[in-house]
Amino acid sequence: MPMFIDQAWYVAAWAREVADQAFARRLCDIPIVLYRKGDGTIAALHDQCPHRFAPLHLGTVEGDRIQCPYHGLVFSSEGQCVHSPHGHAPKAARVRSLPVVERYSLIWLWFGDPDQADADLIPDFSCLVDDGLRTVGGVFTVDAHYELITDNLMDLSHVAFLHKNGIGSDAIATGKHRVQQHGTTIFSDRWCPDAPAPPVWDALFGNYGKNVDHWLDMRWDPPGNMLLNVGVTPAGHPRSDGISTLGLDILTPETATRTHYFWAMTRDFGQENPQLDDLITSATEQAFLHEDLPMLEAVQTQMGARTFDEMKPLLLPFDEGAVRARRVVAAVLQAKRAIEKPLTKREIS
């Protein structure tokens, strides 16, 4: 069975990361080189010359082409060798070219059959390019399997414990949890009414100091594309009376035990306040780099080379969203169609 879903779009980079010079990143255990062509569109190639396997990203981008740094072979953006300084360019000299789409300020790659690379399959992250929203974001690298991070994000009960001094509160642990599934899209929502706001959210809400209704609504699409709608409003009031953010959490595996985590947060309040940018960024970095990341990497170390199923994990009711996500990934990998069937008592008990 393959390690990663190939018939899917993966985020390779933020659009701002790639210019007219070569940009390298390993994705799904394949070295990839990206660069912008003369018309501004992106080229995505296997980052390995077929001659002596030199990394192409160490070479030079010349217009729409890239030259290998080792023996000077030049490849087009489609991957064909179009020039050899040693004579005729051999037709067999070719590197893999991947379908690539720039959308929502992200660069997406397709590793499967190029004829199946339908850009409409890219999940909706239009909030990132909404002129009415302000966005901060970045990318982390985590020494853990990407599905462990999915587990972390689909089960937000951990926020009450791992993030109790920042984005967490006691109300999150006791909040109402609801999971819904439509095809391969899963919604894992948590509702926490009439309780003090988490410290970070109280600060964002103007140091409100009174009880709020707090929500954390996660949408997941395979392989690891998540959008979190999270906010607070005065207790008993509609959500429109409060504040909220849309948070992007996209996971692209680098290897079986290392993941690129693309994150962003958009908001419709404090548009002209750069101090809020700093607060949100610092709160995100505190929550993930200093709280989630050490835990996830410790879990990965505990697992070693064993798979999640081999570890025989205890499953609790609030794991339903994470279990469903894992089951969708497994079903797609195994080309099975019974994706939406109900979970059994043995799966969630």
Protein backbone atom coordinates (compact mmCIF):
# COMPACT_ATOMS: atom_id res chain seq x y z
CA MET A 1 0.00 0.00 0.00
CA PRO A 2 1.37 3.48 -0.81
CA MET A 3 2.45 5.67 2.08
CA PHE A 4 0.71 8.86 0.89
CA ILE A 5 -2.41 9.65 -1.13
CA ASP A 6 -1.26 10.61 -4.61
CA GLN A 7 -4.60 11.56 -6.18
CA ALA A 8 -4.79 14.76 -4.15
CA TRP A 9 -3.57 18.35 -4.07
CA TYR A 10 -0.81 19.18 -1.58
CA VAL A 11 0.40 22.61 -0.57
CA ALA A 12 4.05 22.96 -1.53
CA ALA A 13 4.68 26.56 -0.44
CA TRP A 14 3.20 29.95 0.18
CA ALA A 15 3.16 31.85 -3.11
CA ARG A 16 5.41 34.50 -1.57
CA GLU A 17 8.11 31.88 -0.94
CA VAL A 18 8.72 31.21 -4.65
CA ALA A 19 10.32 33.76 -6.98
CA ASP A 20 12.37 33.43 -10.16
CA GLN A 21 15.11 31.53 -8.33
CA ALA A 22 14.98 27.84 -7.54
CA PHE A 23 13.13 26.90 -4.34
CA ALA A 24 13.51 23.39 -2.94
CA ARG A 25 11.25 21.43 -0.61
CA ARG A 26 10.80 17.70 -0.01
CA LEU A 27 7.13 16.70 -0.25
CA CYS A 28 5.70 13.20 0.20
CA ASP A 29 9.32 12.02 0.36
CA ILE A 30 10.04 13.40 -3.13
CA PRO A 31 12.51 16.29 -3.63
CA ILE A 32 10.78 19.08 -5.56
CA VAL A 33 12.15 22.26 -7.11
CA LEU A 34 9.85 25.21 -7.79
CA TYR A 35 10.48 28.42 -9.69
CA ARG A 36 8.55 31.16 -11.46
CA LYS A 37 8.67 31.28 -15.23
CA GLY A 38 8.80 34.45 -17.28
CA ASP A 39 5.00 34.79 -17.28
CA GLY A 40 4.86 34.47 -13.48
CA THR A 41 3.40 30.97 -13.40
CA ILE A 42 5.06 28.19 -11.42
CA ALA A 43 7.15 25.28 -12.66
CA ALA A 44 7.38 22.20 -10.43
CA LEU A 45 9.97 19.51 -11.21
CA HIS A 46 11.53 16.51 -9.52
CA ASP A 47 14.62 18.03 -7.96
CA GLN A 48 17.05 15.50 -9.42
CA CYS A 49 19.01 15.48 -12.65
CA PRO A 50 18.68 12.05 -14.35
CA HIS A 51 22.38 12.04 -15.25
CA ARG A 52 24.18 11.94 -11.88
CA PHE A 53 21.28 12.84 -9.61
CA ALA A 54 22.44 16.34 -8.74
CA PRO A 55 19.81 18.55 -7.03
CA LEU A 56 18.53 20.93 -9.71
CA HIS A 57 17.77 23.63 -7.16
CA LEU A 58 21.53 24.16 -6.81
CA GLY A 59 21.59 25.18 -10.46
CA THR A 60 20.48 28.30 -12.30
CA VAL A 61 17.05 29.36 -13.53
CA GLU A 62 17.30 30.84 -17.02
CA GLY A 63 13.94 32.19 -18.15
CA ASP A 64 11.56 29.22 -18.21
CA ARG A 65 14.41 26.71 -17.92
CA ILE A 66 16.67 25.38 -15.19
CA GLN A 67 20.27 24.28 -15.64
CA CYS A 68 21.83 21.42 -13.69
CA PRO A 69 24.83 22.67 -11.69
CA TYR A 70 26.85 19.48 -12.22
CA HIS A 71 27.23 18.99 -15.99
CA GLY A 72 25.16 21.83 -17.41
CA LEU A 73 22.14 19.99 -18.82
CA VAL A 74 19.22 22.39 -19.27
CA PHE A 75 15.61 21.32 -18.64
CA SER A 76 12.38 22.98 -19.71
CA SER A 77 9.57 23.66 -17.26
CA GLU A 78 7.93 20.50 -18.66
CA GLY A 79 10.98 18.47 -17.59
CA GLN A 80 12.53 17.73 -20.97
CA CYS A 81 16.26 18.26 -21.50
CA VAL A 82 16.43 20.96 -24.18
CA HIS A 83 20.14 21.69 -24.21
CA SER A 84 23.40 19.88 -23.50
CA PRO A 85 26.73 21.69 -23.62
CA HIS A 86 28.26 18.33 -24.58
CA GLY A 87 26.39 17.86 -27.85
CA HIS A 88 22.87 16.77 -28.79
CA ALA A 89 20.35 16.88 -25.95
CA PRO A 90 19.28 13.25 -25.39
CA LYS A 91 15.54 12.59 -25.53
CA ALA A 92 15.88 10.19 -22.61
CA ALA A 93 17.10 13.04 -20.42
CA ARG A 94 13.90 14.02 -18.67
CA VAL A 95 12.74 14.84 -15.16
CA ARG A 96 9.23 14.53 -13.82
CA SER A 97 7.04 17.62 -14.10
CA LEU A 98 4.08 17.93 -11.72
CA PRO A 99 0.74 19.69 -12.22
CA VAL A 100 0.81 22.91 -10.22
CA VAL A 101 -1.83 25.50 -9.34
CA GLU A 102 -1.41 28.81 -7.54
CA ARG A 103 -4.58 29.52 -5.60
CA TYR A 104 -5.51 31.30 -2.37
CA SER A 105 -1.90 32.60 -2.09
CA LEU A 106 -0.70 28.99 -1.90
CA ILE A 107 1.09 26.74 -4.40
CA TRP A 108 -0.60 23.34 -4.81
CA LEU A 109 0.96 20.22 -6.37
CA TRP A 110 -0.63 17.04 -7.68
CA PHE A 111 1.41 13.84 -7.38
CA GLY A 112 -1.03 11.47 -9.09
CA ASP A 113 -2.14 10.91 -12.68
CA PRO A 114 -1.78 14.32 -14.41
CA ASP A 115 -5.00 13.70 -16.35
CA GLN A 116 -6.89 13.58 -13.03
CA ALA A 117 -5.47 16.87 -11.73
CA ASP A 118 -8.75 18.79 -11.41
CA ALA A 119 -8.15 22.16 -9.71
CA ASP A 120 -11.78 22.19 -8.57
CA LEU A 121 -10.80 19.51 -6.05
CA ILE A 122 -8.76 22.06 -4.10
CA PRO A 123 -10.69 22.87 -0.89
CA ASP A 124 -12.06 26.38 -0.42
CA PHE A 125 -9.62 28.66 1.38
CA SER A 126 -10.86 31.86 -0.25
CA CYS A 127 -10.73 33.62 3.13
CA LEU A 128 -6.99 33.99 2.51
CA VAL A 129 -7.59 36.32 -0.43
CA ASP A 130 -10.69 38.11 0.87
CA ASP A 131 -10.05 41.88 0.74
CA GLY A 132 -12.27 42.30 3.79
CA LEU A 133 -10.04 40.15 5.98
CA ARG A 134 -6.56 40.67 7.40
CA THR A 135 -4.24 37.66 7.38
CA VAL A 136 -1.10 36.55 9.18
CA GLY A 137 0.54 33.18 8.58
CA GLY A 138 3.62 31.10 8.07
CA VAL A 139 4.95 27.54 8.02
CA PHE A 140 6.32 25.26 10.72
CA THR A 141 8.22 22.00 10.35
CA VAL A 142 7.30 19.19 12.73
CA ASP A 143 9.16 15.93 13.35
CA ALA A 144 5.98 13.86 13.41
CA HIS A 145 3.69 12.03 10.99
CA TYR A 146 1.11 14.35 9.51
CA GLU A 147 -1.84 12.28 10.79
CA LEU A 148 -0.66 12.78 14.38
CA ILE A 149 -1.04 16.52 13.78
CA THR A 150 -4.47 15.93 12.23
CA ASP A 151 -5.45 14.04 15.39
CA ASN A 152 -4.33 17.02 17.44
CA LEU A 153 -6.40 19.49 15.41
CA MET A 154 -9.54 17.36 15.02
CA ASP A 155 -9.69 16.77 18.79
CA LEU A 156 -9.72 20.24 20.28
CA SER A 157 -10.48 18.99 23.78
CA HIS A 158 -6.71 19.03 24.33
CA VAL A 159 -6.79 22.83 24.15
CA ALA A 160 -8.18 22.93 27.70
CA PHE A 161 -5.06 21.19 29.01
CA LEU A 162 -2.11 21.75 26.70
CA HIS A 163 -2.98 25.44 26.11
CA LYS A 164 -4.70 26.32 29.39
CA ASN A 165 -2.80 29.58 29.91
CA GLY A 166 -3.40 30.97 26.42
CA ILE A 167 -6.05 29.80 23.96
CA GLY A 168 -7.50 27.19 26.32
CA SER A 169 -10.14 27.22 29.06
CA ASP A 170 -11.90 24.73 31.32
CA ALA A 171 -15.09 25.21 29.29
CA ILE A 172 -13.48 23.62 26.22
CA ALA A 173 -13.02 20.30 28.03
CA THR A 174 -16.73 20.15 28.89
CA GLY A 175 -18.05 21.71 25.68
CA LYS A 176 -20.51 19.98 23.39
CA HIS A 177 -18.79 18.10 20.56
CA ARG A 178 -20.49 17.36 17.24
CA VAL A 179 -19.04 15.50 14.25
CA GLN A 180 -20.61 15.47 10.78
CA GLN A 181 -19.37 13.93 7.56
CA HIS A 182 -20.30 14.71 3.95
CA GLY A 183 -18.41 12.53 1.50
CA THR A 184 -14.76 12.91 2.43
CA THR A 185 -15.27 16.25 4.23
CA ILE A 186 -15.49 16.03 8.01
CA PHE A 187 -16.70 18.71 10.44
CA SER A 188 -15.59 18.47 14.07
CA ASP A 189 -17.22 21.28 16.06
CA ARG A 190 -17.01 22.21 19.74
CA TRP A 191 -19.48 24.57 21.47
CA CYS A 192 -18.58 26.05 24.88
CA PRO A 193 -21.35 28.32 26.21
CA ASP A 194 -21.53 30.81 29.07
CA ALA A 195 -18.05 30.62 30.54
CA PRO A 196 -14.99 32.84 30.87
CA ALA A 197 -13.13 33.34 27.62
CA PRO A 198 -9.66 31.84 27.18
CA PRO A 199 -7.02 34.46 28.06
CA VAL A 200 -5.98 35.16 24.48
CA TRP A 201 -9.58 35.49 23.33
CA ASP A 202 -10.46 37.76 26.24
CA ALA A 203 -7.58 40.05 25.17
CA LEU A 204 -8.68 39.98 21.52
CA PHE A 205 -12.22 40.84 22.65
CA GLY A 206 -11.06 44.06 24.30
CA ASN A 207 -10.41 42.48 27.73
CA TYR A 208 -14.14 41.76 27.94
CA GLY A 209 -13.94 40.11 31.38
CA LYS A 210 -17.44 38.56 31.29
CA ASN A 211 -18.74 35.15 30.30
CA VAL A 212 -18.87 34.35 26.61
CA ASP A 213 -20.06 31.67 24.25
CA HIS A 214 -16.99 30.16 22.59
CA TRP A 215 -16.94 28.00 19.45
CA LEU A 216 -14.27 26.00 17.66
CA ASP A 217 -15.54 24.58 14.35
CA MET A 218 -13.09 22.55 12.25
CA ARG A 219 -13.50 21.48 8.61
CA TRP A 220 -11.20 18.73 7.30
CA ASP A 221 -10.54 17.53 3.75
CA PRO A 222 -7.99 14.86 2.83
CA PRO A 223 -5.10 14.47 3.01
CA GLY A 224 -4.64 17.16 5.71
CA ASN A 225 -6.44 20.39 4.79
CA MET A 226 -8.23 22.08 7.68
CA LEU A 227 -10.06 25.36 8.27
CA LEU A 228 -10.94 26.39 11.83
CA ASN A 229 -13.69 28.90 12.57
CA VAL A 230 -13.12 30.01 16.16
CA GLY A 231 -14.53 32.92 18.10
CA VAL A 232 -16.32 34.36 21.12
CA THR A 233 -19.49 36.35 21.63
CA PRO A 234 -21.24 37.67 24.78
CA ALA A 235 -23.05 34.78 26.46
CA GLY A 236 -26.45 34.24 24.89
CA HIS A 237 -25.77 36.57 21.95
CA PRO A 238 -25.55 35.64 18.26
CA ARG A 239 -22.09 35.03 16.89
CA SER A 240 -22.33 38.21 14.86
CA ASP A 241 -22.13 40.22 18.11
CA GLY A 242 -18.68 38.82 18.85
CA ILE A 243 -15.39 38.34 17.05
CA SER A 244 -14.04 35.35 15.14
CA THR A 245 -11.15 34.20 13.02
CA LEU A 246 -10.74 31.67 10.26
CA GLY A 247 -7.59 29.65 10.81
CA LEU A 248 -5.89 27.64 8.09
CA ASP A 249 -4.09 24.44 9.11
CA ILE A 250 -2.69 22.54 6.11
CA LEU A 251 -0.37 19.57 6.54
CA THR A 252 1.92 18.33 3.79
CA PRO A 253 4.14 15.37 4.67
CA GLU A 254 7.83 15.78 4.03
CA THR A 255 8.54 12.18 5.00
CA ALA A 256 6.77 9.52 7.05
CA THR A 257 7.90 11.24 10.25
CA ARG A 258 8.26 14.90 9.26
CA THR A 259 5.59 17.40 8.22
CA HIS A 260 5.30 20.89 6.76
CA TYR A 261 2.53 22.72 8.66
CA PHE A 262 1.17 25.74 6.78
CA TRP A 263 -0.85 28.01 9.05
CA ALA A 264 -2.70 31.29 8.72
CA MET A 265 -5.32 33.26 10.59
CA THR A 266 -7.72 35.76 9.06
CA ARG A 267 -9.90 38.26 10.90
CA ASP A 268 -12.51 40.92 10.19
CA PHE A 269 -11.72 43.05 13.26
CA GLY A 270 -8.75 45.28 14.12
CA GLN A 271 -7.93 45.62 10.45
CA GLU A 272 -5.51 48.50 10.91
CA ASN A 273 -3.97 47.31 14.14
CA PRO A 274 -0.54 45.70 13.58
CA GLN A 275 -0.32 45.01 17.30
CA LEU A 276 -3.10 42.45 16.83
CA ASP A 277 -0.99 40.82 14.11
CA ASP A 278 1.79 40.48 16.66
CA LEU A 279 -0.57 39.17 19.36
CA ILE A 280 -2.09 36.53 17.07
CA THR A 281 1.31 35.48 15.72
CA SER A 282 2.88 35.23 19.16
CA ALA A 283 -0.14 33.34 20.55
CA THR A 284 0.00 30.91 17.61
CA GLU A 285 3.72 30.36 18.00
CA GLN A 286 3.35 29.91 21.76
CA ALA A 287 0.52 27.40 21.33
CA PHE A 288 2.16 25.38 18.60
CA LEU A 289 5.94 25.75 18.86
CA HIS A 290 6.08 25.61 22.66
CA GLU A 291 3.08 23.41 23.51
CA ASP A 292 1.78 21.28 20.60
CA LEU A 293 5.07 20.64 18.82
CA PRO A 294 7.01 19.22 21.81
CA MET A 295 4.07 16.93 22.59
CA LEU A 296 3.63 15.73 19.00
CA GLU A 297 7.34 15.07 18.57
CA ALA A 298 7.41 13.24 21.90
CA VAL A 299 4.51 11.06 20.73
CA GLN A 300 6.33 10.32 17.49
CA THR A 301 9.43 9.35 19.45
CA GLN A 302 7.33 7.02 21.60
CA MET A 303 5.90 5.37 18.49
CA GLY A 304 9.25 4.92 16.78
CA ALA A 305 8.75 2.96 13.57
CA ARG A 306 5.40 1.51 14.67
CA THR A 307 2.18 2.60 12.99
CA PHE A 308 -0.78 4.13 14.78
CA ASP A 309 -2.76 0.88 14.52
CA GLU A 310 0.17 -1.18 15.73
CA MET A 311 0.18 0.95 18.89
CA LYS A 312 -3.42 -0.19 19.63
CA PRO A 313 -4.53 3.26 20.87
CA LEU A 314 -7.29 3.76 23.39
CA LEU A 315 -10.12 5.64 21.71
CA LEU A 316 -12.52 7.98 23.52
CA PRO A 317 -15.76 9.63 22.32
CA PHE A 318 -14.11 12.96 21.46
CA ASP A 319 -11.74 11.12 19.08
CA GLU A 320 -14.52 10.64 16.53
CA GLY A 321 -13.42 13.42 14.18
CA ALA A 322 -9.81 12.21 14.17
CA VAL A 323 -10.85 8.58 13.69
CA ARG A 324 -13.06 9.50 10.76
CA ALA A 325 -10.23 11.46 9.16
CA ARG A 326 -7.88 8.51 9.52
CA ARG A 327 -10.49 6.18 8.07
CA VAL A 328 -10.99 8.41 5.02
CA VAL A 329 -7.24 8.49 4.37
CA ALA A 330 -7.02 4.70 4.74
CA ALA A 331 -10.01 4.19 2.46
CA VAL A 332 -8.58 6.42 -0.25
CA LEU A 333 -5.22 4.68 0.00
CA GLN A 334 -6.91 1.31 -0.31
CA ALA A 335 -9.30 2.55 -3.03
CA LYS A 336 -12.33 1.60 -0.96
CA ARG A 337 -15.64 3.42 -1.26
CA ALA A 338 -17.30 2.73 2.12
CA ILE A 339 -16.09 6.01 3.57
CA GLU A 340 -19.21 7.36 5.31
CA LYS A 341 -20.39 4.26 7.16
CA PRO A 342 -21.09 4.80 10.88
CA LEU A 343 -18.34 4.17 13.39
CA THR A 344 -18.71 1.02 15.46
CA LYS A 345 -18.66 0.86 19.25
CA ARG A 346 -15.24 -0.75 19.02
CA GLU A 347 -13.95 2.25 17.06
CA ILE A 348 -15.35 4.80 19.51
CA SER A 349 -16.10 3.64 23.05
